Amino acid sequence: MVTRLTGEKVVGIKQTAKALKNNLGSKLYVAKDADMRLLEPILKIAADKSLEIEEIDTMKELGVLCGIDVSAATALIIKE
């Protein structure tokens, strides 16, 4: 179980999509309770790039893992 996402990251659907399109990601975290219509494009890009995808139960939990005070639908760890 992950307690905190470490390393450089981007949080949120728009920032994650932008980073994925620029080939910056190494691992994608997705909240299971996020709106699937919003997640589908992100998941497709991640799958096309063969990124590891980890599902987190809730958006609130993903926000906590990211160290922010709000919920998050996605988070992307940036390549080092």
N, C-alpha and C. Protein backbone atom coordinates (compact mmCIF):
# COMPACT_ATOMS: atom_id res chain seq x y z
N MET A 1 0.84 -1.20 0.00
CA MET A 1 0.00 0.00 0.00
C MET A 1 0.88 1.25 0.00
N VAL A 2 0.60 2.14 -0.89
CA VAL A 2 1.33 3.40 -1.00
C VAL A 2 0.81 4.36 0.07
N THR A 3 1.72 5.05 0.74
CA THR A 3 1.30 6.03 1.73
C THR A 3 1.48 7.46 1.24
N ARG A 4 2.40 7.65 0.29
CA ARG A 4 2.64 8.98 -0.28
C ARG A 4 3.35 8.79 -1.61
N LEU A 5 2.92 9.53 -2.60
CA LEU A 5 3.59 9.46 -3.90
C LEU A 5 4.87 10.29 -3.81
N THR A 6 5.99 9.67 -4.14
CA THR A 6 7.27 10.37 -4.05
C THR A 6 7.77 10.73 -5.44
N GLY A 7 8.63 11.69 -5.48
CA GLY A 7 9.20 12.13 -6.74
C GLY A 7 8.38 13.26 -7.34
N GLU A 8 8.88 13.76 -8.46
CA GLU A 8 8.18 14.84 -9.15
C GLU A 8 6.92 14.28 -9.78
N LYS A 9 5.83 15.02 -9.68
CA LYS A 9 4.55 14.55 -10.21
C LYS A 9 3.70 15.71 -10.67
N VAL A 10 2.70 15.37 -11.47
CA VAL A 10 1.65 16.32 -11.83
C VAL A 10 0.34 15.70 -11.36
N VAL A 11 -0.58 16.57 -10.99
CA VAL A 11 -1.86 16.12 -10.43
C VAL A 11 -2.99 16.77 -11.21
N GLY A 12 -4.01 15.98 -11.51
CA GLY A 12 -5.17 16.50 -12.22
C GLY A 12 -5.19 16.05 -13.67
N ILE A 13 -6.39 16.02 -14.22
CA ILE A 13 -6.58 15.48 -15.56
C ILE A 13 -5.86 16.32 -16.63
N LYS A 14 -6.01 17.63 -16.59
CA LYS A 14 -5.39 18.47 -17.63
C LYS A 14 -3.87 18.38 -17.60
N GLN A 15 -3.29 18.49 -16.40
CA GLN A 15 -1.83 18.45 -16.28
C GLN A 15 -1.29 17.07 -16.64
N THR A 16 -2.03 16.02 -16.24
CA THR A 16 -1.61 14.66 -16.57
C THR A 16 -1.64 14.43 -18.08
N ALA A 17 -2.70 14.86 -18.74
CA ALA A 17 -2.80 14.68 -20.20
C ALA A 17 -1.67 15.40 -20.91
N LYS A 18 -1.38 16.62 -20.49
CA LYS A 18 -0.30 17.39 -21.11
C LYS A 18 1.05 16.70 -20.94
N ALA A 19 1.33 16.22 -19.73
CA ALA A 19 2.60 15.55 -19.46
C ALA A 19 2.70 14.23 -20.24
N LEU A 20 1.59 13.49 -20.33
CA LEU A 20 1.59 12.24 -21.09
C LEU A 20 1.88 12.49 -22.57
N LYS A 21 1.25 13.51 -23.13
CA LYS A 21 1.46 13.83 -24.54
C LYS A 21 2.90 14.22 -24.83
N ASN A 22 3.59 14.76 -23.80
CA ASN A 22 4.99 15.16 -23.94
C ASN A 22 5.96 14.06 -23.51
N ASN A 23 5.44 12.83 -23.32
CA ASN A 23 6.28 11.68 -22.93
C ASN A 23 7.03 11.88 -21.62
N LEU A 24 6.41 12.51 -20.65
CA LEU A 24 7.09 12.79 -19.39
C LEU A 24 6.78 11.80 -18.29
N GLY A 25 5.78 10.95 -18.48
CA GLY A 25 5.32 10.09 -17.39
C GLY A 25 6.03 8.77 -17.26
N SER A 26 6.04 8.25 -16.01
CA SER A 26 6.58 6.91 -15.77
C SER A 26 5.55 6.00 -15.10
N LYS A 27 4.61 6.57 -14.33
CA LYS A 27 3.58 5.76 -13.68
C LYS A 27 2.34 6.64 -13.47
N LEU A 28 1.18 6.07 -13.80
CA LEU A 28 -0.08 6.79 -13.70
C LEU A 28 -0.90 6.24 -12.55
N TYR A 29 -1.45 7.14 -11.75
CA TYR A 29 -2.38 6.78 -10.68
C TYR A 29 -3.75 7.35 -11.05
N VAL A 30 -4.78 6.51 -10.92
CA VAL A 30 -6.14 6.90 -11.31
C VAL A 30 -7.10 6.54 -10.18
N ALA A 31 -7.99 7.47 -9.85
CA ALA A 31 -9.00 7.20 -8.83
C ALA A 31 -10.15 6.42 -9.45
N LYS A 32 -10.55 5.33 -8.80
CA LYS A 32 -11.63 4.48 -9.32
C LYS A 32 -12.97 5.19 -9.38
N ASP A 33 -13.19 6.18 -8.50
CA ASP A 33 -14.49 6.85 -8.45
C ASP A 33 -14.54 8.12 -9.32
N ALA A 34 -13.51 8.35 -10.10
CA ALA A 34 -13.50 9.51 -11.01
C ALA A 34 -14.41 9.23 -12.20
N ASP A 35 -14.86 10.30 -12.85
CA ASP A 35 -15.73 10.19 -14.02
C ASP A 35 -14.99 9.50 -15.17
N MET A 36 -15.49 8.35 -15.57
CA MET A 36 -14.83 7.55 -16.60
C MET A 36 -14.74 8.28 -17.94
N ARG A 37 -15.71 9.13 -18.24
CA ARG A 37 -15.65 9.89 -19.50
C ARG A 37 -14.41 10.78 -19.54
N LEU A 38 -14.01 11.29 -18.38
CA LEU A 38 -12.83 12.15 -18.32
C LEU A 38 -11.54 11.33 -18.32
N LEU A 39 -11.61 10.12 -17.76
CA LEU A 39 -10.42 9.29 -17.64
C LEU A 39 -10.06 8.54 -18.92
N GLU A 40 -11.05 8.24 -19.74
CA GLU A 40 -10.80 7.41 -20.93
C GLU A 40 -9.66 7.91 -21.81
N PRO A 41 -9.61 9.21 -22.15
CA PRO A 41 -8.49 9.67 -23.00
C PRO A 41 -7.13 9.49 -22.32
N ILE A 42 -7.08 9.73 -21.02
CA ILE A 42 -5.83 9.58 -20.26
C ILE A 42 -5.39 8.12 -20.26
N LEU A 43 -6.34 7.22 -19.98
CA LEU A 43 -6.03 5.80 -19.93
C LEU A 43 -5.57 5.28 -21.29
N LYS A 44 -6.15 5.80 -22.36
CA LYS A 44 -5.76 5.38 -23.71
C LYS A 44 -4.32 5.81 -24.00
N ILE A 45 -4.00 7.05 -23.68
CA ILE A 45 -2.63 7.54 -23.92
C ILE A 45 -1.64 6.71 -23.10
N ALA A 46 -1.97 6.47 -21.84
CA ALA A 46 -1.07 5.69 -20.96
C ALA A 46 -0.88 4.27 -21.49
N ALA A 47 -1.97 3.66 -21.95
CA ALA A 47 -1.87 2.31 -22.50
C ALA A 47 -1.03 2.30 -23.78
N ASP A 48 -1.21 3.30 -24.64
CA ASP A 48 -0.42 3.40 -25.87
C ASP A 48 1.07 3.54 -25.57
N LYS A 49 1.39 4.15 -24.45
CA LYS A 49 2.79 4.36 -24.07
C LYS A 49 3.30 3.27 -23.12
N SER A 50 2.46 2.25 -22.87
CA SER A 50 2.80 1.11 -22.00
C SER A 50 3.22 1.54 -20.60
N LEU A 51 2.53 2.55 -20.07
CA LEU A 51 2.81 2.99 -18.71
C LEU A 51 2.13 2.08 -17.70
N GLU A 52 2.75 1.95 -16.55
CA GLU A 52 2.13 1.23 -15.44
C GLU A 52 0.99 2.11 -14.90
N ILE A 53 -0.17 1.50 -14.68
CA ILE A 53 -1.33 2.22 -14.17
C ILE A 53 -1.76 1.58 -12.87
N GLU A 54 -1.88 2.40 -11.83
CA GLU A 54 -2.34 1.90 -10.53
C GLU A 54 -3.64 2.60 -10.17
N GLU A 55 -4.62 1.81 -9.77
CA GLU A 55 -5.91 2.37 -9.37
C GLU A 55 -5.92 2.60 -7.87
N ILE A 56 -6.46 3.77 -7.49
CA ILE A 56 -6.64 4.14 -6.09
C ILE A 56 -8.15 4.19 -5.85
N ASP A 57 -8.60 3.75 -4.70
CA ASP A 57 -10.04 3.61 -4.46
C ASP A 57 -10.84 4.89 -4.66
N THR A 58 -10.37 6.01 -4.09
CA THR A 58 -11.17 7.23 -4.17
C THR A 58 -10.32 8.43 -4.58
N MET A 59 -10.99 9.44 -5.10
CA MET A 59 -10.31 10.69 -5.45
C MET A 59 -9.74 11.35 -4.21
N LYS A 60 -10.46 11.27 -3.10
CA LYS A 60 -9.98 11.87 -1.86
C LYS A 60 -8.68 11.21 -1.41
N GLU A 61 -8.64 9.87 -1.49
CA GLU A 61 -7.44 9.13 -1.10
C GLU A 61 -6.26 9.49 -2.01
N LEU A 62 -6.51 9.63 -3.30
CA LEU A 62 -5.44 10.01 -4.23
C LEU A 62 -4.92 11.41 -3.91
N GLY A 63 -5.82 12.32 -3.56
CA GLY A 63 -5.39 13.66 -3.15
C GLY A 63 -4.47 13.61 -1.94
N VAL A 64 -4.81 12.79 -0.97
CA VAL A 64 -3.98 12.64 0.24
C VAL A 64 -2.62 12.06 -0.14
N LEU A 65 -2.61 11.05 -1.01
CA LEU A 65 -1.35 10.46 -1.46
C LEU A 65 -0.45 11.48 -2.15
N CYS A 66 -1.08 12.44 -2.81
CA CYS A 66 -0.33 13.49 -3.51
C CYS A 66 0.11 14.62 -2.59
N GLY A 67 -0.40 14.60 -1.35
CA GLY A 67 -0.04 15.65 -0.40
C GLY A 67 -0.80 16.94 -0.62
N ILE A 68 -2.01 16.84 -1.20
CA ILE A 68 -2.83 18.03 -1.41
C ILE A 68 -4.11 17.92 -0.60
N ASP A 69 -4.76 19.05 -0.36
CA ASP A 69 -5.95 19.10 0.49
C ASP A 69 -7.25 18.92 -0.28
N VAL A 70 -7.18 18.62 -1.55
CA VAL A 70 -8.38 18.42 -2.36
C VAL A 70 -8.30 17.06 -3.05
N SER A 71 -9.42 16.62 -3.59
CA SER A 71 -9.47 15.34 -4.30
C SER A 71 -8.76 15.46 -5.63
N ALA A 72 -8.31 14.30 -6.15
CA ALA A 72 -7.64 14.28 -7.45
C ALA A 72 -8.10 13.05 -8.22
N ALA A 73 -8.38 13.23 -9.50
CA ALA A 73 -8.80 12.11 -10.35
C ALA A 73 -7.59 11.35 -10.86
N THR A 74 -6.50 12.06 -11.16
CA THR A 74 -5.29 11.42 -11.69
C THR A 74 -4.04 12.06 -11.10
N ALA A 75 -2.98 11.29 -11.12
CA ALA A 75 -1.65 11.80 -10.78
C ALA A 75 -0.66 11.03 -11.65
N LEU A 76 0.38 11.70 -12.06
CA LEU A 76 1.39 11.09 -12.92
C LEU A 76 2.77 11.35 -12.34
N ILE A 77 3.51 10.27 -12.13
CA ILE A 77 4.90 10.41 -11.70
C ILE A 77 5.72 10.74 -12.95
N ILE A 78 6.55 11.77 -12.83
CA ILE A 78 7.37 12.25 -13.94
C ILE A 78 8.67 11.44 -14.00
N LYS A 79 9.11 11.11 -15.21
CA LYS A 79 10.36 10.39 -15.41
C LYS A 79 11.50 11.20 -14.83
N GLU A 80 12.46 10.47 -14.29
CA GLU A 80 13.64 11.15 -13.74
C GLU A 80 14.72 11.27 -14.78
